[in-house]
Amino acid sequence: MIKENAKKLLPCLNDPKHLDALKVYAKERIESQTLNLIRETDHCKIHSLQGSIQELQRFMTIREEAIQSAKEK
């Protein structure tokens, strides 16, 4: 994550209400994408859904990632 973007995100990510809402949204999207993945038969779409799920999972650790990026030189 770019340091400047991380610093801009931190006020929202340090507020438990905002962070919890973001995590709930991400979990709902992961569940939805997982159901789509289970039903999908096209290999290209399967790879795309897997990538989507992986990116959504990063929201579970976005605060830690932003803190680390903001501290870097």
Protein backbone atom coordinates (compact mmCIF):
# COMPACT_ATOMS: atom_id res chain seq x y z
CA MET A 1 0.00 0.00 0.00
CA ILE A 2 1.25 3.49 -0.81
CA LYS A 3 2.26 5.38 2.33
CA GLU A 4 0.11 8.44 1.55
CA ASN A 5 -2.98 6.31 0.93
CA ALA A 6 -2.36 4.38 4.13
CA LYS A 7 -2.25 7.60 6.13
CA LYS A 8 -5.53 8.75 4.56
CA LEU A 9 -7.21 5.46 5.46
CA LEU A 10 -6.07 5.29 9.08
CA PRO A 11 -8.73 7.65 10.55
CA CYS A 12 -11.48 5.36 9.27
CA LEU A 13 -9.64 2.18 10.15
CA ASN A 14 -8.95 3.33 13.70
CA ASP A 15 -12.69 3.85 14.32
CA PRO A 16 -14.07 0.47 15.44
CA LYS A 17 -17.53 1.20 13.98
CA HIS A 18 -16.14 1.88 10.52
CA LEU A 19 -13.72 -1.02 10.62
CA ASP A 20 -16.40 -3.43 11.83
CA ALA A 21 -18.77 -2.29 9.07
CA LEU A 22 -16.06 -2.81 6.47
CA LYS A 23 -15.32 -6.31 7.77
CA VAL A 24 -19.03 -7.25 7.79
CA TYR A 25 -19.33 -6.07 4.19
CA ALA A 26 -16.22 -8.02 3.17
CA LYS A 27 -17.49 -11.19 4.87
CA GLU A 28 -20.84 -10.90 3.07
CA ARG A 29 -19.08 -10.47 -0.28
CA ILE A 30 -16.76 -13.41 0.44
CA GLU A 31 -19.77 -15.61 1.18
CA SER A 32 -21.47 -14.47 -2.02
CA GLN A 33 -18.36 -15.01 -4.14
CA THR A 34 -17.80 -18.42 -2.52
CA LEU A 35 -21.30 -19.50 -3.54
CA ASN A 36 -20.61 -18.28 -7.08
CA LEU A 37 -17.33 -20.21 -7.05
CA ILE A 38 -19.07 -23.42 -6.00
CA ARG A 39 -21.53 -23.14 -8.89
CA GLU A 40 -19.09 -22.00 -11.57
CA THR A 41 -17.83 -24.43 -14.20
CA ASP A 42 -15.77 -22.12 -16.42
CA HIS A 43 -12.10 -22.32 -15.38
CA CYS A 44 -11.35 -18.69 -16.27
CA LYS A 45 -14.25 -17.49 -14.13
CA ILE A 46 -13.14 -19.80 -11.31
CA HIS A 47 -9.70 -18.15 -11.29
CA SER A 48 -11.31 -14.72 -11.34
CA LEU A 49 -13.57 -15.58 -8.41
CA GLN A 50 -10.65 -17.00 -6.45
CA GLY A 51 -8.74 -13.76 -6.96
CA SER A 52 -11.76 -11.74 -5.91
CA ILE A 53 -12.10 -13.75 -2.71
CA GLN A 54 -8.39 -13.33 -1.93
CA GLU A 55 -8.63 -9.56 -2.32
CA LEU A 56 -11.74 -9.40 -0.14
CA GLN A 57 -9.92 -11.41 2.53
CA ARG A 58 -7.26 -8.68 2.64
CA PHE A 59 -9.89 -6.35 4.13
CA MET A 60 -9.70 -8.45 7.29
CA THR A 61 -6.15 -7.19 7.83
CA ILE A 62 -6.39 -3.80 6.13
CA ARG A 63 -5.83 -1.86 9.37
CA GLU A 64 -2.59 -3.68 10.11
CA GLU A 65 -1.46 -3.25 6.51
CA ALA A 66 -2.21 0.49 6.58
CA ILE A 67 -0.39 0.96 9.90
CA GLN A 68 2.66 -0.87 8.58
CA SER A 69 2.66 1.07 5.30
CA ALA A 70 2.25 4.41 7.08
CA LYS A 71 5.33 3.68 9.23
CA GLU A 72 7.60 2.78 6.29
CA LYS A 73 10.06 5.37 5.04
